[in-house]
C-alpha atoms as a PDB file:
ATOM      1  CA  UNK A   1      -0.138   0.094   0.089  1.00  0.00           C
ATOM      2  CA  UNK A   2       1.352   3.422  -0.978  1.00  0.00           C
ATOM      3  CA  UNK A   3       1.578   5.587   1.943  1.00  0.00           C
ATOM      4  CA  UNK A   4       1.075   9.463   0.837  1.00  0.00           C
ATOM      5  CA  UNK A   5       3.835  11.876   1.856  1.00  0.00           C
ATOM      6  CA  UNK A   6       1.157  13.710   3.873  1.00  0.00           C
ATOM      7  CA  UNK A   7       0.799  10.888   6.242  1.00  0.00           C
ATOM      8  CA  UNK A   8       4.591  10.670   7.079  1.00  0.00           C
ATOM      9  CA  UNK A   9       4.892  14.381   7.626  1.00  0.00           C
ATOM     10  CA  UNK A  10       1.842  13.993   9.765  1.00  0.00           C
ATOM     11  CA  UNK A  11       3.247  11.211  11.290  1.00  0.00           C
ATOM     12  CA  UNK A  12       6.823  12.736  12.244  1.00  0.00           C
ATOM     13  CA  UNK A  13       4.846  15.809  13.500  1.00  0.00           C
ATOM     14  CA  UNK A  14       2.574  13.018  15.953  1.00  0.00           C
ATOM     15  CA  UNK A  15       6.339  11.675  17.164  1.00  0.00           C
ATOM     16  CA  UNK A  16       7.417  14.993  17.783  1.00  0.00           C
ATOM     17  CA  UNK A  17       4.633  16.014  19.658  1.00  0.00           C
ATOM     18  CA  UNK A  18       5.036  12.924  21.844  1.00  0.00           C
ATOM     19  CA  UNK A  19       8.625  13.443  22.592  1.00  0.00           C
ATOM     20  CA  UNK A  20       7.909  17.073  23.853  1.00  0.00           C
ATOM     21  CA  UNK A  21       5.165  16.229  26.147  1.00  0.00           C
ATOM     22  CA  UNK A  22       7.377  13.242  27.605  1.00  0.00           C
ATOM     23  CA  UNK A  23      10.423  15.615  28.105  1.00  0.00           C
ATOM     24  CA  UNK A  24       7.995  18.360  29.442  1.00  0.00           C
ATOM     25  CA  UNK A  25       6.692  15.881  31.894  1.00  0.00           C
ATOM     26  CA  UNK A  26      10.461  14.667  32.692  1.00  0.00           C
ATOM     27  CA  UNK A  27      10.969  18.039  33.539  1.00  0.00           C
ATOM     28  CA  UNK A  28       8.043  18.969  35.979  1.00  0.00           C
ATOM     29  CA  UNK A  29       8.681  15.889  37.767  1.00  0.00           C
ATOM     30  CA  UNK A  30      12.396  16.883  38.391  1.00  0.00           C
ATOM     31  CA  UNK A  31      11.328  20.156  39.578  1.00  0.00           C
ATOM     32  CA  UNK A  32      11.754  20.428  43.466  1.00  0.00           C
ATOM     33  CA  UNK A  33       9.564  22.844  45.743  1.00  0.00           C
ATOM     34  CA  UNK A  34      11.036  24.514  48.299  1.00  0.00           C
ATOM     35  CA  UNK A  35       8.947  26.288  51.025  1.00  0.00           C
ATOM     36  CA  UNK A  36      10.714  29.404  52.927  1.00  0.00           C
ATOM     37  CA  UNK A  37       9.289  29.710  56.176  1.00  0.00           C
ATOM     38  CA  UNK A  38      10.374  32.584  58.141  1.00  0.00           C
ATOM     39  CA  UNK A  39      10.123  36.641  58.579  1.00  0.00           C
ATOM     40  CA  UNK A  40      10.759  39.969  56.839  1.00  0.00           C
ATOM     41  CA  UNK A  41      14.109  38.300  56.051  1.00  0.00           C
ATOM     42  CA  UNK A  42      12.921  35.826  54.003  1.00  0.00           C
ATOM     43  CA  UNK A  43      10.039  37.940  52.703  1.00  0.00           C
ATOM     44  CA  UNK A  44      12.289  40.280  51.047  1.00  0.00           C
ATOM     45  CA  UNK A  45      11.310  43.458  53.354  1.00  0.00           C
ATOM     46  CA  UNK A  46      12.130  46.632  51.473  1.00  0.00           C
ATOM     47  CA  UNK A  47      13.390  45.146  48.550  1.00  0.00           C
ATOM     48  CA  UNK A  48      12.063  45.026  44.775  1.00  0.00           C
ATOM     49  CA  UNK A  49      10.670  41.707  43.919  1.00  0.00           C
ATOM     50  CA  UNK A  50      13.196  40.371  42.218  1.00  0.00           C
ATOM     51  CA  UNK A  51      16.123  41.380  44.950  1.00  0.00           C
ATOM     52  CA  UNK A  52      14.555  39.361  47.638  1.00  0.00           C
ATOM     53  CA  UNK A  53      15.693  36.319  49.328  1.00  0.00           C
ATOM     54  CA  UNK A  54      13.295  33.871  47.416  1.00  0.00           C
ATOM     55  CA  UNK A  55      13.548  35.089  44.111  1.00  0.00           C
ATOM     56  CA  UNK A  56      17.462  35.518  44.670  1.00  0.00           C
ATOM     57  CA  UNK A  57      17.683  31.856  46.053  1.00  0.00           C
ATOM     58  CA  UNK A  58      15.441  30.210  42.999  1.00  0.00           C
ATOM     59  CA  UNK A  59      18.062  32.180  40.567  1.00  0.00           C
ATOM     60  CA  UNK A  60      20.879  30.574  42.515  1.00  0.00           C
ATOM     61  CA  UNK A  61      19.652  27.229  42.219  1.00  0.00           C
ATOM     62  CA  UNK A  62      19.303  27.716  38.576  1.00  0.00           C
ATOM     63  CA  UNK A  63      22.435  28.932  37.922  1.00  0.00           C
ATOM     64  CA  UNK A  64      23.543  25.632  39.735  1.00  0.00           C
ATOM     65  CA  UNK A  65      21.535  23.616  37.388  1.00  0.00           C
ATOM     66  CA  UNK A  66      18.899  22.992  40.072  1.00  0.00           C
ATOM     67  CA  UNK A  67      15.124  22.813  38.564  1.00  0.00           C
ATOM     68  CA  UNK A  68      13.905  24.744  41.951  1.00  0.00           C
ATOM     69  CA  UNK A  69      10.598  26.746  42.628  1.00  0.00           C
ATOM     70  CA  UNK A  70      11.079  28.351  45.830  1.00  0.00           C
ATOM     71  CA  UNK A  71       7.470  29.587  47.542  1.00  0.00           C
ATOM     72  CA  UNK A  72       7.427  32.351  49.780  1.00  0.00           C
ATOM     73  CA  UNK A  73       6.463  31.731  52.956  1.00  0.00           C
ATOM     74  CA  UNK A  74       8.149  34.798  55.094  1.00  0.00           C
ATOM     75  CA  UNK A  75       5.540  37.019  56.761  1.00  0.00           C
ATOM     76  CA  UNK A  76       7.101  39.904  58.000  1.00  0.00           C
ATOM     77  CA  UNK A  77       6.855  40.543  61.741  1.00  0.00           C
ATOM     78  CA  UNK A  78       6.088  37.108  62.152  1.00  0.00           C
ATOM     79  CA  UNK A  79       7.600  35.209  65.457  1.00  0.00           C
ATOM     80  CA  UNK A  80       8.022  31.353  65.804  1.00  0.00           C
ATOM     81  CA  UNK A  81       4.740  31.161  67.120  1.00  0.00           C
ATOM     82  CA  UNK A  82       3.203  33.000  63.825  1.00  0.00           C
ATOM     83  CA  UNK A  83       4.796  30.403  62.021  1.00  0.00           C
ATOM     84  CA  UNK A  84       3.645  27.523  63.780  1.00  0.00           C
ATOM     85  CA  UNK A  85      -0.030  28.946  63.869  1.00  0.00           C
ATOM     86  CA  UNK A  86       0.233  28.905  60.149  1.00  0.00           C
ATOM     87  CA  UNK A  87       2.013  25.852  59.137  1.00  0.00           C
ATOM     88  CA  UNK A  88      -0.883  23.995  57.811  1.00  0.00           C
ATOM     89  CA  UNK A  89      -2.275  25.959  55.280  1.00  0.00           C
ATOM     90  CA  UNK A  90       1.201  26.706  53.902  1.00  0.00           C
ATOM     91  CA  UNK A  91       2.458  23.155  53.947  1.00  0.00           C
ATOM     92  CA  UNK A  92       0.746  22.307  50.536  1.00  0.00           C
ATOM     93  CA  UNK A  93       0.694  19.140  48.847  1.00  0.00           C
ATOM     94  CA  UNK A  94       3.428  20.139  46.103  1.00  0.00           C
ATOM     95  CA  UNK A  95       5.813  21.058  48.989  1.00  0.00           C
ATOM     96  CA  UNK A  96       9.449  19.234  48.785  1.00  0.00           C
ATOM     97  CA  UNK A  97      11.536  20.775  51.352  1.00  0.00           C
ATOM     98  CA  UNK A  98      11.121  23.368  54.493  1.00  0.00           C
ATOM     99  CA  UNK A  99      13.906  25.966  54.761  1.00  0.00           C
ATOM    100  CA  UNK A 100      12.755  26.960  58.715  1.00  0.00           C
ATOM    101  CA  UNK A 101      13.880  30.100  59.436  1.00  0.00           C
ATOM    102  CA  UNK A 102      12.330  32.090  62.200  1.00  0.00           C
ATOM    103  CA  UNK A 103      13.638  33.050  65.321  1.00  0.00           C
ATOM    104  CA  UNK A 104      14.743  36.887  64.786  1.00  0.00           C
ATOM    105  CA  UNK A 105      11.461  38.368  65.667  1.00  0.00           C
ATOM    106  CA  UNK A 106      11.310  36.106  69.207  1.00  0.00           C
ATOM    107  CA  UNK A 107      14.945  37.502  69.587  1.00  0.00           C
ATOM    108  CA  UNK A 108      14.259  41.518  69.462  1.00  0.00           C
ATOM    109  CA  UNK A 109      11.225  40.799  71.613  1.00  0.00           C
ATOM    110  CA  UNK A 110      13.220  39.052  74.383  1.00  0.00           C
ATOM    111  CA  UNK A 111      10.599  36.038  74.157  1.00  0.00           C
ATOM    112  CA  UNK A 112      11.356  33.298  76.169  1.00  0.00           C
ATOM    113  CA  UNK A 113      13.969  31.127  74.366  1.00  0.00           C
ATOM    114  CA  UNK A 114      12.075  27.902  75.791  1.00  0.00           C
ATOM    115  CA  UNK A 115       9.306  29.513  73.965  1.00  0.00           C
ATOM    116  CA  UNK A 116      10.720  29.816  70.785  1.00  0.00           C
ATOM    117  CA  UNK A 117      12.058  26.415  71.495  1.00  0.00           C
ATOM    118  CA  UNK A 118       8.315  25.113  71.882  1.00  0.00           C
ATOM    119  CA  UNK A 119       7.487  26.507  68.652  1.00  0.00           C
ATOM    120  CA  UNK A 120      10.399  25.216  66.099  1.00  0.00           C
ATOM    121  CA  UNK A 121       9.839  21.633  67.642  1.00  0.00           C
ATOM    122  CA  UNK A 122       5.921  21.649  66.829  1.00  0.00           C
ATOM    123  CA  UNK A 123       7.082  22.746  63.150  1.00  0.00           C
ATOM    124  CA  UNK A 124       9.865  20.282  63.086  1.00  0.00           C
ATOM    125  CA  UNK A 125       7.686  17.443  64.437  1.00  0.00           C
ATOM    126  CA  UNK A 126       4.747  18.694  61.950  1.00  0.00           C
ATOM    127  CA  UNK A 127       7.912  18.200  59.202  1.00  0.00           C
ATOM    128  CA  UNK A 128       8.801  14.924  60.504  1.00  0.00           C
ATOM    129  CA  UNK A 129       5.027  13.196  60.570  1.00  0.00           C
ATOM    130  CA  UNK A 130       4.989  14.388  56.946  1.00  0.00           C
ATOM    131  CA  UNK A 131       8.340  13.006  56.231  1.00  0.00           C
ATOM    132  CA  UNK A 132       8.914  16.087  54.744  1.00  0.00           C
ATOM    133  CA  UNK A 133      12.858  16.956  54.981  1.00  0.00           C
ATOM    134  CA  UNK A 134      13.912  20.384  56.386  1.00  0.00           C
ATOM    135  CA  UNK A 135      16.849  22.613  56.986  1.00  0.00           C
ATOM    136  CA  UNK A 136      16.832  24.453  60.011  1.00  0.00           C
ATOM    137  CA  UNK A 137      18.511  28.001  59.904  1.00  0.00           C
ATOM    138  CA  UNK A 138      19.822  29.628  63.103  1.00  0.00           C
ATOM    139  CA  UNK A 139      20.210  32.981  64.124  1.00  0.00           C
ATOM    140  CA  UNK A 140      22.675  34.869  66.450  1.00  0.00           C
ATOM    141  CA  UNK A 141      21.379  35.689  69.596  1.00  0.00           C
ATOM    142  CA  UNK A 142      21.243  39.340  70.759  1.00  0.00           C
ATOM    143  CA  UNK A 143      24.039  41.279  73.157  1.00  0.00           C
ATOM    144  CA  UNK A 144      21.296  43.527  74.826  1.00  0.00           C
ATOM    145  CA  UNK A 145      19.580  40.750  76.849  1.00  0.00           C
ATOM    146  CA  UNK A 146      22.718  39.433  78.211  1.00  0.00           C
ATOM    147  CA  UNK A 147      25.126  36.433  77.693  1.00  0.00           C
ATOM    148  CA  UNK A 148      22.966  33.883  79.461  1.00  0.00           C
ATOM    149  CA  UNK A 149      19.959  35.062  77.058  1.00  0.00           C
ATOM    150  CA  UNK A 150      22.336  35.334  74.084  1.00  0.00           C
ATOM    151  CA  UNK A 151      23.686  31.644  74.868  1.00  0.00           C
ATOM    152  CA  UNK A 152      20.195  30.544  75.685  1.00  0.00           C
ATOM    153  CA  UNK A 153      18.710  31.648  72.603  1.00  0.00           C
ATOM    154  CA  UNK A 154      21.492  30.077  70.228  1.00  0.00           C
ATOM    155  CA  UNK A 155      21.374  26.856  72.084  1.00  0.00           C
ATOM    156  CA  UNK A 156      17.760  26.505  71.164  1.00  0.00           C
ATOM    157  CA  UNK A 157      18.748  25.829  67.409  1.00  0.00           C
ATOM    158  CA  UNK A 158      21.332  23.150  68.355  1.00  0.00           C
ATOM    159  CA  UNK A 159      18.964  21.279  70.705  1.00  0.00           C
ATOM    160  CA  UNK A 160      15.913  21.193  67.940  1.00  0.00           C
ATOM    161  CA  UNK A 161      18.630  20.089  65.480  1.00  0.00           C
ATOM    162  CA  UNK A 162      20.063  16.996  67.493  1.00  0.00           C
ATOM    163  CA  UNK A 163      16.541  16.229  68.668  1.00  0.00           C
ATOM    164  CA  UNK A 164      15.001  15.927  65.466  1.00  0.00           C
ATOM    165  CA  UNK A 165      18.352  14.649  63.508  1.00  0.00           C
ATOM    166  CA  UNK A 166      17.780  17.808  61.023  1.00  0.00           C
ATOM    167  CA  UNK A 167      20.715  19.878  59.227  1.00  0.00           C
ATOM    168  CA  UNK A 168      21.373  23.315  60.823  1.00  0.00           C
ATOM    169  CA  UNK A 169      22.611  26.224  59.377  1.00  0.00           C
ATOM    170  CA  UNK A 170      23.888  28.220  61.849  1.00  0.00           C
ATOM    171  CA  UNK A 171      22.986  32.003  61.134  1.00  0.00           C
ATOM    172  CA  UNK A 172      21.188  33.350  58.217  1.00  0.00           C
ATOM    173  CA  UNK A 173      23.414  36.379  58.339  1.00  0.00           C
ATOM    174  CA  UNK A 174      26.232  34.260  58.039  1.00  0.00           C
ATOM    175  CA  UNK A 175      26.896  35.397  54.333  1.00  0.00           C
ATOM    176  CA  UNK A 176      27.113  38.969  55.698  1.00  0.00           C
ATOM    177  CA  UNK A 177      29.529  38.300  58.965  1.00  0.00           C
ATOM    178  CA  UNK A 178      31.906  36.109  56.419  1.00  0.00           C
ATOM    179  CA  UNK A 179      31.888  38.752  54.085  1.00  0.00           C
ATOM    180  CA  UNK A 180      32.560  41.704  55.975  1.00  0.00           C
ATOM    181  CA  UNK A 181      34.708  39.996  58.243  1.00  0.00           C
ATOM    182  CA  UNK A 182      32.676  40.886  61.629  1.00  0.00           C
ATOM    183  CA  UNK A 183      29.495  42.008  62.670  1.00  0.00           C
ATOM    184  CA  UNK A 184      30.110  45.674  62.771  1.00  0.00           C
ATOM    185  CA  UNK A 185      31.363  45.706  59.314  1.00  0.00           C
ATOM    186  CA  UNK A 186      28.560  43.818  58.267  1.00  0.00           C
ATOM    187  CA  UNK A 187      26.220  46.689  58.495  1.00  0.00           C
ATOM    188  CA  UNK A 188      27.393  48.217  55.227  1.00  0.00           C
ATOM    189  CA  UNK A 189      25.250  45.380  53.757  1.00  0.00           C
ATOM    190  CA  UNK A 190      22.270  46.277  55.539  1.00  0.00           C
ATOM    191  CA  UNK A 191      18.987  49.059  54.495  1.00  0.00           C
ATOM    192  CA  UNK A 192      18.931  52.286  56.868  1.00  0.00           C
ATOM    193  CA  UNK A 193      16.859  50.078  59.651  1.00  0.00           C
ATOM    194  CA  UNK A 194      19.775  48.605  60.268  1.00  0.00           C
ATOM    195  CA  UNK A 195      18.176  45.047  60.163  1.00  0.00           C
ATOM    196  CA  UNK A 196      17.093  44.211  56.872  1.00  0.00           C
ATOM    197  CA  UNK A 197      19.795  43.529  54.159  1.00  0.00           C
ATOM    198  CA  UNK A 198      20.141  45.113  51.027  1.00  0.00           C
ATOM    199  CA  UNK A 199      19.950  43.568  47.503  1.00  0.00           C
ATOM    200  CA  UNK A 200      23.636  43.139  47.595  1.00  0.00           C
ATOM    201  CA  UNK A 201      23.324  41.776  50.978  1.00  0.00           C
ATOM    202  CA  UNK A 202      21.031  39.038  50.285  1.00  0.00           C
ATOM    203  CA  UNK A 203      23.172  37.770  47.646  1.00  0.00           C
ATOM    204  CA  UNK A 204      25.733  37.500  50.075  1.00  0.00           C
ATOM    205  CA  UNK A 205      23.422  35.570  52.336  1.00  0.00           C
ATOM    206  CA  UNK A 206      21.986  33.355  49.402  1.00  0.00           C
ATOM    207  CA  UNK A 207      25.723  32.671  47.794  1.00  0.00           C
ATOM    208  CA  UNK A 208      26.460  31.288  51.407  1.00  0.00           C
ATOM    209  CA  UNK A 209      23.403  29.166  52.132  1.00  0.00           C
ATOM    210  CA  UNK A 210      22.758  27.963  48.602  1.00  0.00           C
ATOM    211  CA  UNK A 211      25.334  25.214  49.125  1.00  0.00           C
ATOM    212  CA  UNK A 212      23.516  23.972  52.356  1.00  0.00           C
ATOM    213  CA  UNK A 213      20.178  23.739  50.243  1.00  0.00           C
ATOM    214  CA  UNK A 214      21.797  21.696  47.889  1.00  0.00           C
ATOM    215  CA  UNK A 215      22.738  19.152  50.296  1.00  0.00           C
ATOM    216  CA  UNK A 216      19.420  18.740  52.007  1.00  0.00           C
ATOM    217  CA  UNK A 217      17.613  18.329  48.261  1.00  0.00           C
ATOM    218  CA  UNK A 218      15.247  15.311  48.327  1.00  0.00           C
END
């Protein structure tokens, strides 16, 4: 039976279409969705959207060959209690990994470190119950509440990491202090409020944190 040239072209088109659909499905399957659960530091306070923590982390991962979608779960002013309270509705079925970056506002308000511990423990326990990997991101304790408070606050993250067997990134601001050489010199990478990083500061934070995120990807 003679097959027309038009049929051959159509058959070739169908083969290409099937191949495209297959590759597209494979790409979607390989995409990892990361929830960045945090406060204003995660939300990108005071910055254009593209300069915030979440877009910069997503770009960093893409530049390093990782097909990732980073969901902005940062709420300005949020404490560890706020993060624990809204966890159920931010943990959608698409989430593959959670970055837990809460505690900065607890520290600024002088909240009892044991309260912070309890709230973060609730969050990590829920991740374990859902079999979701997480990365716990710490925060340096303040000096203005005395050395005991500082030690207790920083100890919260170390205790949680050990008890839940989750990796700990000691300080979200490590990239700033590492680049500047000291906490005082790191002020150059903060906005005028002295609390939130500039776009350049976020870049330093992401460059330092990125490798740690890669190690915990599912």
